Amino acid sequence: MNITSKGQVTIPQRIRNKFGLKPGTAVEFVVEGDKVVITPRARKSDATMDWLNEARGVLKGMSTDERMKLTRGED
């Protein structure tokens, strides 16, 4: 495997699959002694996304009418 003149390298498909590296995955390079390690970058916490992830599934099992009553404040 070679680095291109633009500093690019292709990560083999089997490695991308094993570690879930998809197009758009942010990565970082970490120097560990005489090695360079590439790792997926941790996503920054977003309060709105955190709330949405917690709320996901809360309305599961409700009918559309029940959901509409809930959002309208009807009893």
PDB file of N, CA and C in Angstrom:
ATOM      1  N   MET A   1       0.850  -1.164   0.000  1.00  0.00           N
ATOM      2  CA  MET A   1       0.000   0.000   0.000  1.00  0.00           C
ATOM      3  C   MET A   1       0.900   1.233   0.000  1.00  0.00           C
ATOM      4  N   ASN A   2       0.558   2.195  -0.813  1.00  0.00           N
ATOM      5  CA  ASN A   2       1.349   3.415  -0.939  1.00  0.00           C
ATOM      6  C   ASN A   2       0.513   4.643  -0.616  1.00  0.00           C
ATOM      7  N   ILE A   3       1.188   5.672  -0.153  1.00  0.00           N
ATOM      8  CA  ILE A   3       0.538   6.957   0.087  1.00  0.00           C
ATOM      9  C   ILE A   3       0.611   7.747  -1.215  1.00  0.00           C
ATOM     10  N   THR A   4      -0.505   8.368  -1.614  1.00  0.00           N
ATOM     11  CA  THR A   4      -0.526   9.156  -2.848  1.00  0.00           C
ATOM     12  C   THR A   4       0.182  10.483  -2.635  1.00  0.00           C
ATOM     13  N   SER A   5       0.371  11.222  -3.731  1.00  0.00           N
ATOM     14  CA  SER A   5       1.020  12.532  -3.644  1.00  0.00           C
ATOM     15  C   SER A   5       0.192  13.515  -2.808  1.00  0.00           C
ATOM     16  N   LYS A   6      -1.099  13.232  -2.645  1.00  0.00           N
ATOM     17  CA  LYS A   6      -1.980  14.070  -1.810  1.00  0.00           C
ATOM     18  C   LYS A   6      -2.012  13.594  -0.361  1.00  0.00           C
ATOM     19  N   GLY A   7      -1.233  12.569  -0.035  1.00  0.00           N
ATOM     20  CA  GLY A   7      -1.201  12.068   1.331  1.00  0.00           C
ATOM     21  C   GLY A   7      -2.333  11.103   1.647  1.00  0.00           C
ATOM     22  N   GLN A   8      -2.970  10.564   0.606  1.00  0.00           N
ATOM     23  CA  GLN A   8      -4.102   9.669   0.806  1.00  0.00           C
ATOM     24  C   GLN A   8      -3.668   8.205   0.756  1.00  0.00           C
ATOM     25  N   VAL A   9      -4.428   7.376   1.476  1.00  0.00           N
ATOM     26  CA  VAL A   9      -4.205   5.945   1.455  1.00  0.00           C
ATOM     27  C   VAL A   9      -5.577   5.273   1.490  1.00  0.00           C
ATOM     28  N   THR A  10      -5.716   4.143   0.836  1.00  0.00           N
ATOM     29  CA  THR A  10      -6.972   3.406   0.843  1.00  0.00           C
ATOM     30  C   THR A  10      -6.948   2.386   1.968  1.00  0.00           C
ATOM     31  N   ILE A  11      -7.959   2.454   2.834  1.00  0.00           N
ATOM     32  CA  ILE A  11      -8.086   1.475   3.911  1.00  0.00           C
ATOM     33  C   ILE A  11      -8.757   0.246   3.307  1.00  0.00           C
ATOM     34  N   PRO A  12      -8.149  -0.925   3.432  1.00  0.00           N
ATOM     35  CA  PRO A  12      -8.742  -2.132   2.842  1.00  0.00           C
ATOM     36  C   PRO A  12     -10.179  -2.378   3.339  1.00  0.00           C
ATOM     37  N   GLN A  13     -11.010  -2.889   2.436  1.00  0.00           N
ATOM     38  CA  GLN A  13     -12.427  -3.115   2.729  1.00  0.00           C
ATOM     39  C   GLN A  13     -12.629  -3.977   3.975  1.00  0.00           C
ATOM     40  N   ARG A  14     -11.856  -5.043   4.143  1.00  0.00           N
ATOM     41  CA  ARG A  14     -12.044  -5.932   5.295  1.00  0.00           C
ATOM     42  C   ARG A  14     -11.803  -5.183   6.607  1.00  0.00           C
ATOM     43  N   ILE A  15     -10.865  -4.238   6.607  1.00  0.00           N
ATOM     44  CA  ILE A  15     -10.601  -3.454   7.820  1.00  0.00           C
ATOM     45  C   ILE A  15     -11.723  -2.446   8.042  1.00  0.00           C
ATOM     46  N   ARG A  16     -12.193  -1.801   6.964  1.00  0.00           N
ATOM     47  CA  ARG A  16     -13.317  -0.854   7.096  1.00  0.00           C
ATOM     48  C   ARG A  16     -14.539  -1.563   7.639  1.00  0.00           C
ATOM     49  N   ASN A  17     -14.818  -2.751   7.128  1.00  0.00           N
ATOM     50  CA  ASN A  17     -15.979  -3.520   7.607  1.00  0.00           C
ATOM     51  C   ASN A  17     -15.823  -3.908   9.072  1.00  0.00           C
ATOM     52  N   LYS A  18     -14.662  -4.403   9.425  1.00  0.00           N
ATOM     53  CA  LYS A  18     -14.424  -4.876  10.801  1.00  0.00           C
ATOM     54  C   LYS A  18     -14.617  -3.765  11.829  1.00  0.00           C
ATOM     55  N   PHE A  19     -14.194  -2.545  11.483  1.00  0.00           N
ATOM     56  CA  PHE A  19     -14.238  -1.451  12.446  1.00  0.00           C
ATOM     57  C   PHE A  19     -15.351  -0.440  12.172  1.00  0.00           C
ATOM     58  N   GLY A  20     -16.236  -0.748  11.216  1.00  0.00           N
ATOM     59  CA  GLY A  20     -17.387   0.124  10.945  1.00  0.00           C
ATOM     60  C   GLY A  20     -17.009   1.482  10.382  1.00  0.00           C
ATOM     61  N   LEU A  21     -15.931   1.534   9.618  1.00  0.00           N
ATOM     62  CA  LEU A  21     -15.504   2.796   9.016  1.00  0.00           C
ATOM     63  C   LEU A  21     -16.260   2.995   7.707  1.00  0.00           C
ATOM     64  N   LYS A  22     -17.130   3.988   7.693  1.00  0.00           N
ATOM     65  CA  LYS A  22     -17.973   4.265   6.523  1.00  0.00           C
ATOM     66  C   LYS A  22     -17.595   5.617   5.946  1.00  0.00           C
ATOM     67  N   PRO A  23     -18.003   5.908   4.715  1.00  0.00           N
ATOM     68  CA  PRO A  23     -17.727   7.237   4.160  1.00  0.00           C
ATOM     69  C   PRO A  23     -18.259   8.315   5.104  1.00  0.00           C
ATOM     70  N   GLY A  24     -17.444   9.297   5.362  1.00  0.00           N
ATOM     71  CA  GLY A  24     -17.841  10.381   6.259  1.00  0.00           C
ATOM     72  C   GLY A  24     -17.426  10.170   7.705  1.00  0.00           C
ATOM     73  N   THR A  25     -16.902   8.976   8.038  1.00  0.00           N
ATOM     74  CA  THR A  25     -16.440   8.727   9.403  1.00  0.00           C
ATOM     75  C   THR A  25     -15.240   9.629   9.688  1.00  0.00           C
ATOM     76  N   ALA A  26     -15.310  10.395  10.764  1.00  0.00           N
ATOM     77  CA  ALA A  26     -14.185  11.243  11.158  1.00  0.00           C
ATOM     78  C   ALA A  26     -13.156  10.368  11.866  1.00  0.00           C
ATOM     79  N   VAL A  27     -11.901  10.542  11.512  1.00  0.00           N
ATOM     80  CA  VAL A  27     -10.829   9.769  12.130  1.00  0.00           C
ATOM     81  C   VAL A  27      -9.752  10.719  12.632  1.00  0.00           C
ATOM     82  N   GLU A  28      -8.926  10.203  13.521  1.00  0.00           N
ATOM     83  CA  GLU A  28      -7.777  10.977  13.961  1.00  0.00           C
ATOM     84  C   GLU A  28      -6.549  10.089  13.970  1.00  0.00           C
ATOM     85  N   PHE A  29      -5.404  10.706  13.829  1.00  0.00           N
ATOM     86  CA  PHE A  29      -4.137   9.997  13.828  1.00  0.00           C
ATOM     87  C   PHE A  29      -3.433  10.281  15.147  1.00  0.00           C
ATOM     88  N   VAL A  30      -3.030   9.215  15.819  1.00  0.00           N
ATOM     89  CA  VAL A  30      -2.371   9.332  17.110  1.00  0.00           C
ATOM     90  C   VAL A  30      -0.982   8.715  16.995  1.00  0.00           C
ATOM     91  N   VAL A  31       0.029   9.454  17.451  1.00  0.00           N
ATOM     92  CA  VAL A  31       1.399   8.940  17.447  1.00  0.00           C
ATOM     93  C   VAL A  31       1.621   8.184  18.750  1.00  0.00           C
ATOM     94  N   GLU A  32       1.997   6.919  18.626  1.00  0.00           N
ATOM     95  CA  GLU A  32       2.295   6.069  19.781  1.00  0.00           C
ATOM     96  C   GLU A  32       3.715   5.525  19.606  1.00  0.00           C
ATOM     97  N   GLY A  33       4.671   6.204  20.208  1.00  0.00           N
ATOM     98  CA  GLY A  33       6.063   5.806  20.045  1.00  0.00           C
ATOM     99  C   GLY A  33       6.500   5.993  18.617  1.00  0.00           C
ATOM    100  N   ASP A  34       6.863   4.897  17.952  1.00  0.00           N
ATOM    101  CA  ASP A  34       7.285   4.973  16.560  1.00  0.00           C
ATOM    102  C   ASP A  34       6.190   4.525  15.601  1.00  0.00           C
ATOM    103  N   LYS A  35       4.928   4.504  16.099  1.00  0.00           N
ATOM    104  CA  LYS A  35       3.793   4.091  15.267  1.00  0.00           C
ATOM    105  C   LYS A  35       2.785   5.224  15.152  1.00  0.00           C
ATOM    106  N   VAL A  36       2.008   5.183  14.071  1.00  0.00           N
ATOM    107  CA  VAL A  36       0.870   6.081  13.899  1.00  0.00           C
ATOM    108  C   VAL A  36      -0.373   5.207  13.896  1.00  0.00           C
ATOM    109  N   VAL A  37      -1.334   5.540  14.757  1.00  0.00           N
ATOM    110  CA  VAL A  37      -2.560   4.754  14.879  1.00  0.00           C
ATOM    111  C   VAL A  37      -3.725   5.614  14.414  1.00  0.00           C
ATOM    112  N   ILE A  38      -4.563   5.054  13.548  1.00  0.00           N
ATOM    113  CA  ILE A  38      -5.758   5.751  13.086  1.00  0.00           C
ATOM    114  C   ILE A  38      -6.952   5.207  13.876  1.00  0.00           C
ATOM    115  N   THR A  39      -7.760   6.125  14.428  1.00  0.00           N
ATOM    116  CA  THR A  39      -8.929   5.708  15.202  1.00  0.00           C
ATOM    117  C   THR A  39     -10.126   6.566  14.819  1.00  0.00           C
ATOM    118  N   PRO A  40     -11.332   6.001  14.903  1.00  0.00           N
ATOM    119  CA  PRO A  40     -12.512   6.837  14.669  1.00  0.00           C
ATOM    120  C   PRO A  40     -12.561   7.908  15.753  1.00  0.00           C
ATOM    121  N   ARG A  41     -12.867   9.130  15.374  1.00  0.00           N
ATOM    122  CA  ARG A  41     -12.952  10.229  16.330  1.00  0.00           C
ATOM    123  C   ARG A  41     -14.278  10.148  17.065  1.00  0.00           C
ATOM    124  N   ALA A  42     -14.237  10.316  18.362  1.00  0.00           N
ATOM    125  CA  ALA A  42     -15.466  10.307  19.157  1.00  0.00           C
ATOM    126  C   ALA A  42     -16.319  11.505  18.743  1.00  0.00           C
ATOM    127  N   ARG A  43     -17.608  11.244  18.588  1.00  0.00           N
ATOM    128  CA  ARG A  43     -18.522  12.321  18.222  1.00  0.00           C
ATOM    129  C   ARG A  43     -18.740  13.232  19.410  1.00  0.00           C
ATOM    130  N   LYS A  44     -18.807  14.521  19.140  1.00  0.00           N
ATOM    131  CA  LYS A  44     -19.064  15.472  20.203  1.00  0.00           C
ATOM    132  C   LYS A  44     -20.497  15.298  20.678  1.00  0.00           C
ATOM    133  N   SER A  45     -20.684  15.464  21.951  1.00  0.00           N
ATOM    134  CA  SER A  45     -22.020  15.337  22.518  1.00  0.00           C
ATOM    135  C   SER A  45     -22.862  16.534  22.101  1.00  0.00           C
ATOM    136  N   ASP A  46     -24.059  16.277  21.693  1.00  0.00           N
ATOM    137  CA  ASP A  46     -25.003  17.311  21.283  1.00  0.00           C
ATOM    138  C   ASP A  46     -26.236  17.133  22.155  1.00  0.00           C
ATOM    139  N   ALA A  47     -26.570  18.131  22.951  1.00  0.00           N
ATOM    140  CA  ALA A  47     -27.679  18.025  23.905  1.00  0.00           C
ATOM    141  C   ALA A  47     -28.988  17.648  23.210  1.00  0.00           C
ATOM    142  N   THR A  48     -29.255  18.217  22.043  1.00  0.00           N
ATOM    143  CA  THR A  48     -30.492  17.907  21.330  1.00  0.00           C
ATOM    144  C   THR A  48     -30.503  16.452  20.883  1.00  0.00           C
ATOM    145  N   MET A  49     -29.380  15.990  20.322  1.00  0.00           N
ATOM    146  CA  MET A  49     -29.322  14.595  19.879  1.00  0.00           C
ATOM    147  C   MET A  49     -29.385  13.646  21.073  1.00  0.00           C
ATOM    148  N   ASP A  50     -28.757  14.012  22.188  1.00  0.00           N
ATOM    149  CA  ASP A  50     -28.839  13.188  23.390  1.00  0.00           C
ATOM    150  C   ASP A  50     -30.291  13.046  23.826  1.00  0.00           C
ATOM    151  N   TRP A  51     -31.036  14.170  23.822  1.00  0.00           N
ATOM    152  CA  TRP A  51     -32.433  14.147  24.224  1.00  0.00           C
ATOM    153  C   TRP A  51     -33.257  13.289  23.263  1.00  0.00           C
ATOM    154  N   LEU A  52     -33.027  13.460  21.969  1.00  0.00           N
ATOM    155  CA  LEU A  52     -33.768  12.682  20.981  1.00  0.00           C
ATOM    156  C   LEU A  52     -33.493  11.193  21.124  1.00  0.00           C
ATOM    157  N   ASN A  53     -32.241  10.830  21.372  1.00  0.00           N
ATOM    158  CA  ASN A  53     -31.904   9.416  21.549  1.00  0.00           C
ATOM    159  C   ASN A  53     -32.596   8.839  22.776  1.00  0.00           C
ATOM    160  N   GLU A  54     -32.693   9.626  23.850  1.00  0.00           N
ATOM    161  CA  GLU A  54     -33.396   9.155  25.043  1.00  0.00           C
ATOM    162  C   GLU A  54     -34.898   9.040  24.796  1.00  0.00           C
ATOM    163  N   ALA A  55     -35.445   9.983  24.028  1.00  0.00           N
ATOM    164  CA  ALA A  55     -36.888  10.007  23.788  1.00  0.00           C
ATOM    165  C   ALA A  55     -37.337   8.982  22.764  1.00  0.00           C
ATOM    166  N   ARG A  56     -36.415   8.504  21.957  1.00  0.00           N
ATOM    167  CA  ARG A  56     -36.756   7.550  20.903  1.00  0.00           C
ATOM    168  C   ARG A  56     -37.453   6.335  21.502  1.00  0.00           C
ATOM    169  N   GLY A  57     -38.589   5.979  20.948  1.00  0.00           N
ATOM    170  CA  GLY A  57     -39.294   4.785  21.401  1.00  0.00           C
ATOM    171  C   GLY A  57     -40.346   5.042  22.467  1.00  0.00           C
ATOM    172  N   VAL A  58     -40.389   6.268  23.011  1.00  0.00           N
ATOM    173  CA  VAL A  58     -41.350   6.562  24.073  1.00  0.00           C
ATOM    174  C   VAL A  58     -42.787   6.395  23.581  1.00  0.00           C
ATOM    175  N   LEU A  59     -43.068   6.773  22.355  1.00  0.00           N
ATOM    176  CA  LEU A  59     -44.423   6.702  21.812  1.00  0.00           C
ATOM    177  C   LEU A  59     -44.716   5.385  21.105  1.00  0.00           C
ATOM    178  N   LYS A  60     -43.772   4.466  21.160  1.00  0.00           N
ATOM    179  CA  LYS A  60     -43.951   3.182  20.491  1.00  0.00           C
ATOM    180  C   LYS A  60     -45.181   2.477  21.067  1.00  0.00           C
ATOM    181  N   GLY A  61     -45.984   1.913  20.207  1.00  0.00           N
ATOM    182  CA  GLY A  61     -47.156   1.171  20.656  1.00  0.00           C
ATOM    183  C   GLY A  61     -48.410   2.025  20.757  1.00  0.00           C
ATOM    184  N   MET A  62     -48.293   3.334  20.564  1.00  0.00           N
ATOM    185  CA  MET A  62     -49.471   4.209  20.616  1.00  0.00           C
ATOM    186  C   MET A  62     -50.064   4.350  19.221  1.00  0.00           C
ATOM    187  N   SER A  63     -51.373   4.474  19.176  1.00  0.00           N
ATOM    188  CA  SER A  63     -52.023   4.716  17.890  1.00  0.00           C
ATOM    189  C   SER A  63     -51.821   6.178  17.506  1.00  0.00           C
ATOM    190  N   THR A  64     -52.076   6.503  16.257  1.00  0.00           N
ATOM    191  CA  THR A  64     -51.951   7.880  15.795  1.00  0.00           C
ATOM    192  C   THR A  64     -52.900   8.789  16.566  1.00  0.00           C
ATOM    193  N   ASP A  65     -54.125   8.323  16.798  1.00  0.00           N
ATOM    194  CA  ASP A  65     -55.091   9.131  17.551  1.00  0.00           C
ATOM    195  C   ASP A  65     -54.594   9.420  18.967  1.00  0.00           C
ATOM    196  N   GLU A  66     -54.011   8.405  19.622  1.00  0.00           N
ATOM    197  CA  GLU A  66     -53.484   8.598  20.977  1.00  0.00           C
ATOM    198  C   GLU A  66     -52.335   9.607  20.973  1.00  0.00           C
ATOM    199  N   ARG A  67     -51.484   9.526  19.953  1.00  0.00           N
ATOM    200  CA  ARG A  67     -50.367  10.466  19.858  1.00  0.00           C
ATOM    201  C   ARG A  67     -50.858  11.886  19.626  1.00  0.00           C
ATOM    202  N   MET A  68     -51.870  12.041  18.776  1.00  0.00           N
ATOM    203  CA  MET A  68     -52.404  13.363  18.482  1.00  0.00           C
ATOM    204  C   MET A  68     -53.037  13.968  19.738  1.00  0.00           C
ATOM    205  N   LYS A  69     -53.755  13.168  20.504  1.00  0.00           N
ATOM    206  CA  LYS A  69     -54.347  13.666  21.749  1.00  0.00           C
ATOM    207  C   LYS A  69     -53.274  14.106  22.718  1.00  0.00           C
ATOM    208  N   LEU A  70     -52.193  13.350  22.797  1.00  0.00           N
ATOM    209  CA  LEU A  70     -51.083  13.669  23.683  1.00  0.00           C
ATOM    210  C   LEU A  70     -50.438  14.997  23.283  1.00  0.00           C
ATOM    211  N   THR A  71     -50.203  15.209  21.983  1.00  0.00           N
ATOM    212  CA  THR A  71     -49.561  16.428  21.542  1.00  0.00           C
ATOM    213  C   THR A  71     -50.481  17.635  21.634  1.00  0.00           C
ATOM    214  N   ARG A  72     -51.800  17.407  21.569  1.00  0.00           N
ATOM    215  CA  ARG A  72     -52.770  18.501  21.660  1.00  0.00           C
ATOM    216  C   ARG A  72     -53.179  18.809  23.099  1.00  0.00           C
ATOM    217  N   GLY A  73     -52.755  17.956  24.015  1.00  0.00           N
ATOM    218  CA  GLY A  73     -53.114  18.165  25.414  1.00  0.00           C
ATOM    219  C   GLY A  73     -54.549  17.771  25.733  1.00  0.00           C
ATOM    220  N   GLU A  74     -55.132  16.903  24.898  1.00  0.00           N
ATOM    221  CA  GLU A  74     -56.501  16.442  25.136  1.00  0.00           C
ATOM    222  C   GLU A  74     -56.489  15.282  26.108  1.00  0.00           C
ATOM    223  N   ASP A  75     -57.544  15.156  26.872  1.00  0.00           N
ATOM    224  CA  ASP A  75     -57.657  14.035  27.824  1.00  0.00           C
ATOM    225  C   ASP A  75     -58.245  12.820  27.193  1.00  0.00           C
TER     226      ASP A  75
END
